[in-house]
Amino acid sequence: MLFASQEQGPSKWTVFLAASAALTLSAAIGVLAGSMVGKYIPPRTLNIVAGLGFVLIGLWTLWNALKA
């Protein structure tokens, strides 16, 4: 957004296309990594780890909010 807001520098279309390409590439990497991990780790284990991760992030966020 910083590049798009400047008068000089890359055009808004360049910034848009670069951001779109970055999002597409990161999503593709995530899909490929997920499919590879899914071959070696059972889905139940992945669900448990993901659930614990979400709970821990929620607790950490709550801790920081109450601490401030």
C-alpha atoms as a PDB file:
ATOM      1  CA  MET A   1       0.000   0.000   0.000  1.00  0.00           C
ATOM      2  CA  LEU A   2       2.919   2.305   0.657  1.00  0.00           C
ATOM      3  CA  PHE A   3       4.197   1.932  -2.912  1.00  0.00           C
ATOM      4  CA  ALA A   4       0.727   2.458  -4.379  1.00  0.00           C
ATOM      5  CA  SER A   5       0.158   5.636  -2.366  1.00  0.00           C
ATOM      6  CA  GLN A   6       3.322   7.384  -3.529  1.00  0.00           C
ATOM      7  CA  GLU A   7       3.227   9.777  -6.446  1.00  0.00           C
ATOM      8  CA  GLN A   8       6.544   8.552  -7.788  1.00  0.00           C
ATOM      9  CA  GLY A   9       7.614   4.940  -8.027  1.00  0.00           C
ATOM     10  CA  PRO A  10       5.862   1.901  -9.419  1.00  0.00           C
ATOM     11  CA  SER A  11       2.369   2.255 -10.826  1.00  0.00           C
ATOM     12  CA  LYS A  12      -0.677   1.042  -8.959  1.00  0.00           C
ATOM     13  CA  TRP A  13      -1.068  -1.784 -11.469  1.00  0.00           C
ATOM     14  CA  THR A  14       2.483  -2.956 -10.843  1.00  0.00           C
ATOM     15  CA  VAL A  15       1.863  -3.023  -7.102  1.00  0.00           C
ATOM     16  CA  PHE A  16      -1.445  -4.840  -7.613  1.00  0.00           C
ATOM     17  CA  LEU A  17       0.057  -7.458  -9.923  1.00  0.00           C
ATOM     18  CA  ALA A  18       3.048  -8.056  -7.633  1.00  0.00           C
ATOM     19  CA  ALA A  19       0.785  -8.442  -4.585  1.00  0.00           C
ATOM     20  CA  SER A  20      -1.486 -10.808  -6.507  1.00  0.00           C
ATOM     21  CA  ALA A  21       1.468 -12.904  -7.639  1.00  0.00           C
ATOM     22  CA  ALA A  22       2.818 -13.064  -4.076  1.00  0.00           C
ATOM     23  CA  LEU A  23      -0.549 -14.202  -2.707  1.00  0.00           C
ATOM     24  CA  THR A  24      -0.927 -16.828  -5.424  1.00  0.00           C
ATOM     25  CA  LEU A  25       2.592 -18.142  -4.895  1.00  0.00           C
ATOM     26  CA  SER A  26       2.220 -18.340  -1.108  1.00  0.00           C
ATOM     27  CA  ALA A  27      -1.105 -20.192  -1.476  1.00  0.00           C
ATOM     28  CA  ALA A  28       0.481 -22.646  -3.934  1.00  0.00           C
ATOM     29  CA  ILE A  29       3.377 -23.295  -1.550  1.00  0.00           C
ATOM     30  CA  GLY A  30       0.901 -23.897   1.277  1.00  0.00           C
ATOM     31  CA  VAL A  31      -1.120 -26.366  -0.794  1.00  0.00           C
ATOM     32  CA  LEU A  32       1.976 -28.262  -1.905  1.00  0.00           C
ATOM     33  CA  ALA A  33       3.434 -28.364   1.612  1.00  0.00           C
ATOM     34  CA  GLY A  34       0.091 -29.465   3.049  1.00  0.00           C
ATOM     35  CA  SER A  35      -0.275 -32.283   0.548  1.00  0.00           C
ATOM     36  CA  MET A  36       3.251 -33.506   1.314  1.00  0.00           C
ATOM     37  CA  VAL A  37       2.722 -33.358   5.080  1.00  0.00           C
ATOM     38  CA  GLY A  38      -0.632 -35.123   4.668  1.00  0.00           C
ATOM     39  CA  LYS A  39       1.091 -38.119   3.102  1.00  0.00           C
ATOM     40  CA  TYR A  40       3.204 -38.756   6.217  1.00  0.00           C
ATOM     41  CA  ILE A  41       1.076 -37.573   9.145  1.00  0.00           C
ATOM     42  CA  PRO A  42      -2.431 -38.933   9.799  1.00  0.00           C
ATOM     43  CA  PRO A  43      -5.310 -36.430   9.507  1.00  0.00           C
ATOM     44  CA  ARG A  44      -6.326 -36.959  13.158  1.00  0.00           C
ATOM     45  CA  THR A  45      -2.868 -35.895  14.329  1.00  0.00           C
ATOM     46  CA  LEU A  46      -2.951 -32.830  12.071  1.00  0.00           C
ATOM     47  CA  ASN A  47      -6.369 -31.861  13.461  1.00  0.00           C
ATOM     48  CA  ILE A  48      -5.141 -32.178  17.048  1.00  0.00           C
ATOM     49  CA  VAL A  49      -1.980 -30.157  16.390  1.00  0.00           C
ATOM     50  CA  ALA A  50      -3.918 -27.464  14.502  1.00  0.00           C
ATOM     51  CA  GLY A  51      -6.544 -27.271  17.250  1.00  0.00           C
ATOM     52  CA  LEU A  52      -3.901 -26.961  19.957  1.00  0.00           C
ATOM     53  CA  GLY A  53      -2.165 -24.267  17.920  1.00  0.00           C
ATOM     54  CA  PHE A  54      -5.362 -22.228  17.654  1.00  0.00           C
ATOM     55  CA  VAL A  55      -6.052 -22.603  21.387  1.00  0.00           C
ATOM     56  CA  LEU A  56      -2.503 -21.540  22.274  1.00  0.00           C
ATOM     57  CA  ILE A  57      -2.681 -18.496  19.979  1.00  0.00           C
ATOM     58  CA  GLY A  58      -6.033 -17.566  21.528  1.00  0.00           C
ATOM     59  CA  LEU A  59      -4.658 -17.899  25.063  1.00  0.00           C
ATOM     60  CA  TRP A  60      -1.575 -15.866  24.150  1.00  0.00           C
ATOM     61  CA  THR A  61      -3.745 -13.126  22.613  1.00  0.00           C
ATOM     62  CA  LEU A  62      -6.006 -13.091  25.666  1.00  0.00           C
ATOM     63  CA  TRP A  63      -2.982 -12.958  27.999  1.00  0.00           C
ATOM     64  CA  ASN A  64      -1.539  -9.961  26.122  1.00  0.00           C
ATOM     65  CA  ALA A  65      -4.908  -8.187  26.126  1.00  0.00           C
ATOM     66  CA  LEU A  66      -5.384  -8.638  29.864  1.00  0.00           C
ATOM     67  CA  LYS A  67      -1.794  -7.703  30.643  1.00  0.00           C
ATOM     68  CA  ALA A  68      -2.031  -4.310  28.934  1.00  0.00           C
END
